[in-house]
Amino acid sequence: MHPNRKAAVSSAVVLAVAASVLVGCERGTSTGAGPSPTGPTKAGCPTVLARDKAAVQRAEKTNFTWNGPTTGPRAASGKKIVYVAQTMTNPGVAGAAKGVKEAAQAIGWNVRVIDGQGTPAGIQAAFSQAIALRPSGIVIGGFDPHLTSQQVAKANAEHIPLIGWHAVNSPGPSKDPELFSNITTKVQDVAKISADWIITHSHGNAGVVVFTDASIPFARNKSELIKKELATCSSVKLLAEENIPISDTSSRTPQEVSSLLSRFPDSWTHSVAINDVYFADAAPALRAARKKGGAAPYNIGAGDGDPSAFQRINSRQFQAATVPEPLAQQGWQTIDEFNRAFSGRPASGYIAPVHIATAANSGGLTSWDPPGYRAAYRKIWGK
């Protein structure tokens, strides 16, 4: 996942398309787990806790070496890439676009970004414009390709390689829709490590609220995976699941947070959201309730890790951690995958490992930018 804080991860885009598949979900609904539990004083899952502590320690490391591709085709010349963005007010989409432009400059290609403005009509128009430019390749930046099925079919017919960034659920090549590759971390890994962090941070004694957007299938799946992992520790209690569309976070989240504070004044210790933006909008309500920024509820975003999330984490203001995407690195990988497509090679198959950013390991930075990839890709390309 997440928009000038306010625009959504794939929110407005998928909202109209995915609404028809919702079953029993309404905008802004909350499901509770009954009365506020007192919670045990000793973890009821010592084996799970030990396993999760080890996983969290690995994910918090920052001093690892590049584990991506080190071989591949030399740089093709004279290529033109068009990046079709869901909306450039989405920090994840914009961060990946910035990485694509940086990598294109390094390899010697041209890039044009066309902003879909966050609406289905706008994205379809942007994609049609991209095809009309007759580019070497097109990036599907942060939206569901099924929304633009006609444009995808036309690009496929014209043999224009398509690479997605957070376009479909799984990383790597896709047959339906036809994508040379999709660049993303594994949603299963992101969901699991965010839940593992809560179990570890609480020593297996958390009262948890989950924030999701059930109108987006990808987000709904992520929150279901998070709940499944939380349930592996019997002493962790799911207090509530808040269904707030990302497009409504600024208007809905403060009200829902105030209600949660009233319902669970002592037992609400941790929160996890499918996107960091929820905590930007939760902060005013928590502050108004005289909650301390570095105290419970401790919040982790299972989203893109946008700059504002890092700022809240570093200043200990109502967010303790995030599971960020390495946005610049994913932009470089996008260019490398295009280079493989142009050379008739298969996709690299690389998937970035999950990372947890906290005030203790972020170094005061506002993004997750792992080391080594720029030099590795330049060496592959001969640049």
Protein backbone atom coordinates (compact mmCIF):
# COMPACT_ATOMS: atom_id res chain seq x y z
CA MET A 1 0.00 0.00 0.00
CA HIS A 2 -1.02 4.52 1.09
CA PRO A 3 -1.44 10.02 -0.09
CA ASN A 4 -0.60 13.52 0.04
CA ARG A 5 -1.75 11.54 2.76
CA LYS A 6 -5.33 11.78 1.66
CA ALA A 7 -5.46 10.07 -1.71
CA ALA A 8 -5.47 6.37 -1.51
CA VAL A 9 -3.27 3.49 -2.20
CA SER A 10 -5.39 1.94 -4.89
CA SER A 11 -8.42 3.47 -3.27
CA ALA A 12 -10.47 5.60 -5.57
CA VAL A 13 -9.32 3.45 -8.43
CA VAL A 14 -10.47 0.11 -7.25
CA LEU A 15 -13.34 1.47 -5.17
CA ALA A 16 -15.90 1.55 -7.95
CA VAL A 17 -14.73 -1.72 -9.42
CA ALA A 18 -14.46 -3.76 -6.24
CA ALA A 19 -17.58 -2.56 -4.46
CA SER A 20 -19.69 -5.14 -6.23
CA VAL A 21 -17.70 -8.02 -4.76
CA LEU A 22 -18.12 -6.98 -1.14
CA VAL A 23 -20.05 -9.39 1.01
CA GLY A 24 -21.63 -7.96 4.14
CA CYS A 25 -19.21 -5.00 4.38
CA GLU A 26 -20.37 -1.42 4.72
CA ARG A 27 -18.40 1.81 4.64
CA GLY A 28 -17.07 2.74 8.04
CA THR A 29 -18.31 -0.37 9.80
CA SER A 30 -16.68 -1.90 12.84
CA THR A 31 -16.69 -5.46 14.05
CA GLY A 32 -15.90 -5.97 17.70
CA ALA A 33 -14.79 -8.95 19.71
CA GLY A 34 -17.18 -8.39 22.58
CA PRO A 35 -16.49 -6.60 25.85
CA SER A 36 -13.05 -5.28 26.64
CA PRO A 37 -10.92 -8.16 27.95
CA THR A 38 -8.58 -7.71 30.86
CA GLY A 39 -5.92 -9.79 29.12
CA PRO A 40 -3.46 -12.26 30.64
CA THR A 41 -0.28 -11.11 32.32
CA LYS A 42 1.77 -13.92 30.86
CA ALA A 43 2.03 -14.78 27.18
CA GLY A 44 -0.05 -17.77 26.24
CA CYS A 45 2.10 -18.52 23.20
CA PRO A 46 5.75 -18.89 24.24
CA THR A 47 6.71 -20.91 21.15
CA VAL A 48 5.05 -18.44 18.78
CA LEU A 49 6.58 -15.52 20.67
CA ALA A 50 10.10 -16.94 20.34
CA ARG A 51 9.60 -17.56 16.60
CA ASP A 52 8.19 -14.10 16.00
CA LYS A 53 10.97 -12.38 17.94
CA ALA A 54 13.53 -13.98 15.63
CA ALA A 55 11.55 -12.93 12.53
CA VAL A 56 11.23 -9.35 13.75
CA GLN A 57 14.94 -9.12 14.53
CA ARG A 58 15.76 -10.23 10.98
CA ALA A 59 13.30 -7.74 9.48
CA GLU A 60 14.69 -4.84 11.51
CA LYS A 61 18.24 -5.29 10.20
CA THR A 62 19.57 -2.54 7.95
CA ASN A 63 23.13 -3.70 7.27
CA PHE A 64 22.55 -6.55 4.84
CA THR A 65 24.14 -7.02 1.43
CA TRP A 66 22.28 -6.87 -1.88
CA ASN A 67 20.47 -10.15 -2.49
CA GLY A 68 18.96 -9.28 -5.87
CA PRO A 69 20.12 -10.05 -9.41
CA THR A 70 23.79 -9.62 -10.29
CA THR A 71 23.66 -10.80 -13.90
CA GLY A 72 21.51 -9.86 -16.85
CA PRO A 73 21.53 -8.23 -20.30
CA ARG A 74 23.54 -5.13 -21.09
CA ALA A 75 21.58 -1.92 -21.46
CA ALA A 76 19.36 -1.58 -24.53
CA SER A 77 19.56 1.86 -26.10
CA GLY A 78 17.03 4.52 -27.04
CA LYS A 79 14.06 3.24 -25.03
CA LYS A 80 11.06 5.34 -23.97
CA ILE A 81 8.99 4.35 -20.93
CA VAL A 82 5.64 5.78 -19.86
CA TYR A 83 4.64 5.52 -16.20
CA VAL A 84 0.86 5.59 -15.81
CA ALA A 85 0.23 6.62 -12.20
CA GLN A 86 -2.92 5.86 -10.23
CA THR A 87 -2.41 9.27 -8.64
CA MET A 88 0.80 11.15 -7.96
CA THR A 89 -0.63 12.30 -4.63
CA ASN A 90 -0.17 8.70 -3.43
CA PRO A 91 3.31 8.70 -1.87
CA GLY A 92 3.93 5.07 -2.78
CA VAL A 93 3.06 5.61 -6.44
CA ALA A 94 5.10 8.81 -6.55
CA GLY A 95 8.07 7.21 -4.81
CA ALA A 96 8.17 4.33 -7.27
CA ALA A 97 7.89 6.80 -10.18
CA LYS A 98 10.83 8.74 -8.82
CA GLY A 99 12.87 5.53 -8.69
CA VAL A 100 11.91 4.70 -12.29
CA LYS A 101 13.04 8.13 -13.48
CA GLU A 102 16.31 7.89 -11.57
CA ALA A 103 17.08 4.45 -12.98
CA ALA A 104 16.09 5.50 -16.50
CA GLN A 105 18.58 8.35 -16.34
CA ALA A 106 21.27 5.89 -15.23
CA ILE A 107 20.57 3.48 -18.11
CA GLY A 108 20.10 6.25 -20.69
CA TRP A 109 16.34 6.06 -21.37
CA ASN A 110 13.51 8.59 -21.36
CA VAL A 111 10.54 8.43 -18.99
CA ARG A 112 7.24 10.28 -19.06
CA VAL A 113 4.79 10.16 -16.15
CA ILE A 114 1.06 10.52 -16.84
CA ASP A 115 -1.13 11.09 -13.78
CA GLY A 116 -4.46 9.23 -13.69
CA GLN A 117 -5.72 11.61 -10.98
CA GLY A 118 -7.09 8.77 -8.86
CA THR A 119 -10.30 8.13 -10.82
CA PRO A 120 -11.21 5.24 -13.14
CA ALA A 121 -11.92 7.62 -16.02
CA GLY A 122 -8.70 9.50 -15.44
CA ILE A 123 -6.59 6.34 -15.32
CA GLN A 124 -8.20 4.94 -18.46
CA ALA A 125 -7.55 8.21 -20.28
CA ALA A 126 -3.94 8.28 -19.05
CA PHE A 127 -3.37 4.71 -20.23
CA SER A 128 -4.87 5.47 -23.65
CA GLN A 129 -2.60 8.48 -23.91
CA ALA A 130 0.38 6.32 -22.99
CA ILE A 131 -0.37 3.83 -25.77
CA ALA A 132 -0.78 6.65 -28.29
CA LEU A 133 2.77 7.75 -27.54
CA ARG A 134 3.96 4.37 -28.89
CA PRO A 135 6.45 3.80 -26.05
CA SER A 136 8.87 0.93 -25.62
CA GLY A 137 7.12 -0.06 -22.39
CA ILE A 138 4.40 1.05 -19.96
CA VAL A 139 4.36 0.92 -16.15
CA ILE A 140 1.02 0.26 -14.45
CA GLY A 141 1.61 2.34 -11.36
CA GLY A 142 -0.51 1.29 -8.41
CA PHE A 143 -3.87 0.40 -9.95
CA ASP A 144 -5.76 -2.75 -10.89
CA PRO A 145 -5.15 -3.54 -14.59
CA HIS A 146 -8.66 -4.98 -14.83
CA LEU A 147 -9.87 -1.40 -14.54
CA THR A 148 -8.14 -0.71 -17.87
CA SER A 149 -8.76 -4.05 -19.56
CA GLN A 150 -9.31 -2.49 -23.00
CA GLN A 151 -6.05 -0.55 -22.80
CA VAL A 152 -4.17 -3.60 -21.51
CA ALA A 153 -5.48 -5.66 -24.40
CA LYS A 154 -4.47 -2.99 -26.90
CA ALA A 155 -0.96 -2.73 -25.42
CA ASN A 156 -0.61 -6.52 -25.52
CA ALA A 157 -1.78 -6.57 -29.16
CA GLU A 158 0.81 -3.94 -30.02
CA HIS A 159 3.51 -5.94 -28.18
CA ILE A 160 4.21 -3.16 -25.69
CA PRO A 161 5.64 -4.78 -22.53
CA LEU A 162 3.68 -3.95 -19.38
CA ILE A 163 5.21 -3.96 -15.92
CA GLY A 164 3.11 -3.36 -12.84
CA TRP A 165 4.02 -1.72 -9.57
CA HIS A 166 1.52 -3.01 -6.96
CA ALA A 167 -0.78 -3.82 -9.88
CA VAL A 168 -1.78 -7.37 -8.91
CA ASN A 169 -1.58 -9.36 -5.69
CA SER A 170 1.50 -11.42 -6.47
CA PRO A 171 5.01 -10.43 -7.54
CA GLY A 172 6.48 -11.65 -10.82
CA PRO A 173 4.98 -12.38 -14.26
CA SER A 174 1.20 -12.41 -14.68
CA LYS A 175 -0.86 -14.16 -17.36
CA ASP A 176 -4.22 -12.57 -16.55
CA PRO A 177 -3.76 -9.67 -16.93
CA GLU A 178 -0.73 -10.13 -19.16
CA LEU A 179 2.20 -8.42 -17.43
CA PHE A 180 5.88 -9.10 -18.00
CA SER A 181 6.26 -8.70 -14.24
CA ASN A 182 4.66 -7.11 -11.20
CA ILE A 183 6.92 -5.38 -8.69
CA THR A 184 5.88 -5.68 -5.06
CA THR A 185 6.78 -7.36 -1.82
CA LYS A 186 4.66 -10.40 -0.91
CA VAL A 187 1.47 -9.38 0.81
CA GLN A 188 1.68 -12.56 2.89
CA ASP A 189 5.11 -11.52 4.19
CA VAL A 190 4.03 -7.94 4.92
CA ALA A 191 0.92 -9.09 6.77
CA LYS A 192 2.78 -11.71 8.76
CA ILE A 193 5.66 -9.50 9.88
CA SER A 194 3.36 -6.68 10.98
CA ALA A 195 1.40 -9.13 13.15
CA ASP A 196 4.66 -10.68 14.39
CA TRP A 197 5.83 -7.22 15.46
CA ILE A 198 2.69 -6.73 17.55
CA ILE A 199 3.07 -10.14 19.19
CA THR A 200 6.74 -9.43 19.92
CA HIS A 201 6.31 -5.82 21.05
CA SER A 202 3.49 -6.78 23.42
CA HIS A 203 5.25 -9.93 24.67
CA GLY A 204 2.19 -11.82 23.50
CA ASN A 205 -0.30 -9.69 25.43
CA ALA A 206 -1.83 -7.23 22.95
CA GLY A 207 -5.33 -5.91 22.56
CA VAL A 208 -5.43 -5.12 18.84
CA VAL A 209 -7.48 -2.96 16.49
CA VAL A 210 -7.13 -3.62 12.75
CA PHE A 211 -7.83 -0.83 10.25
CA THR A 212 -8.67 -1.89 6.71
CA ASP A 213 -10.49 -0.90 3.52
CA ALA A 214 -12.78 -3.80 2.60
CA SER A 215 -13.68 -2.16 -0.71
CA ILE A 216 -10.20 -2.99 -2.04
CA PRO A 217 -9.72 -6.76 -2.49
CA PHE A 218 -5.94 -6.49 -2.00
CA ALA A 219 -6.38 -4.57 1.26
CA ARG A 220 -9.09 -6.87 2.52
CA ASN A 221 -6.90 -9.88 1.85
CA LYS A 222 -4.01 -8.24 3.70
CA SER A 223 -6.10 -7.57 6.81
CA GLU A 224 -7.43 -11.15 6.78
CA LEU A 225 -3.85 -12.43 6.69
CA ILE A 226 -2.91 -10.10 9.55
CA LYS A 227 -5.78 -11.41 11.68
CA LYS A 228 -4.84 -14.99 10.88
CA GLU A 229 -1.29 -14.41 12.09
CA LEU A 230 -2.41 -12.57 15.23
CA ALA A 231 -4.59 -15.58 16.05
CA THR A 232 -1.51 -17.81 16.29
CA CYS A 233 -0.94 -16.29 19.74
CA SER A 234 -3.85 -17.22 22.01
CA SER A 235 -3.16 -14.40 24.48
CA VAL A 236 -3.45 -11.71 21.79
CA LYS A 237 -6.99 -10.35 21.59
CA LEU A 238 -8.58 -8.84 18.48
CA LEU A 239 -10.70 -6.03 19.91
CA ALA A 240 -12.14 -4.66 16.67
CA GLU A 241 -11.72 -4.41 12.93
CA GLU A 242 -12.47 -0.98 11.52
CA ASN A 243 -13.57 -0.89 7.87
CA ILE A 244 -12.83 2.64 6.66
CA PRO A 245 -12.27 3.29 2.94
CA ILE A 246 -8.94 5.00 2.40
CA SER A 247 -10.72 7.79 0.56
CA ASP A 248 -12.66 8.47 3.80
CA THR A 249 -9.81 8.25 6.32
CA SER A 250 -9.65 11.96 7.07
CA SER A 251 -13.37 12.21 7.81
CA ARG A 252 -14.00 8.80 9.40
CA THR A 253 -10.87 7.83 11.33
CA PRO A 254 -10.92 10.50 14.09
CA GLN A 255 -14.54 9.66 14.92
CA GLU A 256 -13.88 5.91 14.97
CA VAL A 257 -10.75 6.32 17.11
CA SER A 258 -12.70 8.34 19.66
CA SER A 259 -15.29 5.55 19.79
CA LEU A 260 -12.58 2.92 20.22
CA LEU A 261 -11.02 4.85 23.09
CA SER A 262 -14.42 4.91 24.80
CA ARG A 263 -15.04 1.20 24.21
CA PHE A 264 -11.56 -0.05 25.09
CA PRO A 265 -10.01 2.56 27.40
CA ASP A 266 -7.43 0.24 28.93
CA SER A 267 -7.26 -2.87 26.75
CA TRP A 268 -6.43 -1.21 23.40
CA THR A 269 -2.64 -1.55 23.30
CA HIS A 270 -1.77 -1.96 19.59
CA SER A 271 -3.11 -1.19 16.13
CA VAL A 272 -2.21 -2.34 12.64
CA ALA A 273 -3.45 -0.71 9.43
CA ILE A 274 -3.23 -1.77 5.81
CA ASN A 275 -1.85 1.72 5.10
CA ASP A 276 0.01 4.29 7.17
CA VAL A 277 -2.51 7.03 6.32
CA TYR A 278 -4.90 5.78 9.00
CA PHE A 279 -2.47 6.82 11.71
CA ALA A 280 -2.00 10.28 10.25
CA ASP A 281 -5.74 10.73 10.70
CA ALA A 282 -5.88 8.93 14.06
CA ALA A 283 -3.30 11.22 15.63
CA PRO A 284 -5.60 14.22 16.29
CA ALA A 285 -8.15 12.05 18.13
CA LEU A 286 -5.44 10.36 20.19
CA ARG A 287 -3.91 13.73 20.99
CA ALA A 288 -7.30 15.14 21.97
CA ALA A 289 -7.74 12.21 24.36
CA ARG A 290 -4.43 13.21 25.96
CA LYS A 291 -2.71 10.04 24.83
CA LYS A 292 1.08 10.22 24.70
CA GLY A 293 2.61 9.95 21.23
CA GLY A 294 5.08 7.29 22.32
CA ALA A 295 2.67 5.19 24.38
CA ALA A 296 -0.24 2.84 23.77
CA PRO A 297 -1.88 2.25 21.43
CA TYR A 298 1.33 1.36 19.60
CA ASN A 299 0.67 1.54 15.86
CA ILE A 300 2.28 -0.24 12.92
CA GLY A 301 1.48 0.38 9.27
CA ALA A 302 1.48 -2.60 6.93
CA GLY A 303 1.72 -0.25 3.98
CA ASP A 304 4.12 1.62 1.74
CA GLY A 305 6.03 3.49 4.45
CA ASP A 306 5.50 7.02 3.16
CA PRO A 307 7.60 9.97 4.41
CA SER A 308 4.93 11.20 6.82
CA ALA A 309 4.86 7.76 8.45
CA PHE A 310 8.61 7.92 9.02
CA GLN A 311 8.22 11.40 10.47
CA ARG A 312 5.63 10.16 12.97
CA ILE A 313 7.81 7.18 13.85
CA ASN A 314 11.00 9.21 14.27
CA SER A 315 9.26 11.80 16.45
CA ARG A 316 7.31 9.12 18.34
CA GLN A 317 3.98 10.68 17.50
CA PHE A 318 1.31 7.97 17.44
CA GLN A 319 3.12 5.53 15.19
CA ALA A 320 5.79 3.10 16.34
CA ALA A 321 6.66 1.18 13.18
CA THR A 322 5.93 0.60 9.51
CA VAL A 323 6.63 -2.14 6.98
CA PRO A 324 7.87 0.05 4.13
CA GLU A 325 8.31 -0.76 0.48
CA PRO A 326 11.80 0.03 -0.89
CA LEU A 327 10.25 2.43 -3.39
CA ALA A 328 13.39 3.71 -5.13
CA GLN A 329 14.82 0.21 -5.41
CA GLN A 330 11.56 -1.04 -6.90
CA GLY A 331 11.79 1.74 -9.47
CA TRP A 332 15.26 0.54 -10.45
CA GLN A 333 14.02 -3.03 -10.61
CA THR A 334 11.23 -1.90 -12.95
CA ILE A 335 13.76 -0.51 -15.42
CA ASP A 336 15.86 -3.67 -15.15
CA GLU A 337 12.82 -5.85 -15.85
CA PHE A 338 12.04 -3.79 -18.95
CA ASN A 339 15.63 -4.25 -20.09
CA ARG A 340 15.21 -8.01 -19.74
CA ALA A 341 11.95 -7.86 -21.71
CA PHE A 342 13.57 -5.86 -24.52
CA SER A 343 16.39 -8.42 -24.68
CA GLY A 344 14.06 -11.41 -24.86
CA ARG A 345 15.08 -12.61 -21.40
CA PRO A 346 12.71 -13.80 -18.66
CA ALA A 347 11.86 -11.65 -15.65
CA SER A 348 14.42 -11.68 -12.84
CA GLY A 349 12.00 -13.10 -10.28
CA TYR A 350 13.45 -10.89 -7.55
CA ILE A 351 11.24 -10.06 -4.57
CA ALA A 352 12.48 -7.57 -1.99
CA PRO A 353 12.46 -8.93 1.57
CA VAL A 354 10.21 -7.29 4.13
CA HIS A 355 11.66 -4.70 6.47
CA ILE A 356 10.40 -3.10 9.68
CA ALA A 357 11.31 0.54 10.24
CA THR A 358 11.31 2.01 13.76
CA ALA A 359 12.81 5.07 15.39
CA ALA A 360 15.68 2.84 16.53
CA ASN A 361 16.77 1.75 13.04
CA SER A 362 15.57 4.43 10.60
CA GLY A 363 18.55 6.71 11.17
CA GLY A 364 16.19 9.68 11.04
CA LEU A 365 15.48 9.07 7.35
CA THR A 366 12.02 9.32 5.78
CA SER A 367 12.17 6.31 3.47
CA TRP A 368 13.53 2.78 3.31
CA ASP A 369 16.37 2.73 0.80
CA PRO A 370 18.38 -0.49 1.19
CA PRO A 371 22.02 -0.48 0.12
CA GLY A 372 23.69 -2.01 -2.90
CA TYR A 373 21.10 -2.11 -5.64
CA ARG A 374 22.19 0.94 -7.63
CA ALA A 375 25.75 -0.34 -8.08
CA ALA A 376 24.48 -3.85 -8.86
CA TYR A 377 22.11 -2.71 -11.60
CA ARG A 378 24.68 -0.33 -13.11
CA LYS A 379 27.14 -3.22 -13.29
CA ILE A 380 24.55 -5.44 -15.01
CA TRP A 381 23.75 -2.72 -17.55
CA GLY A 382 27.36 -1.78 -18.17
CA LYS A 383 26.70 1.75 -16.96
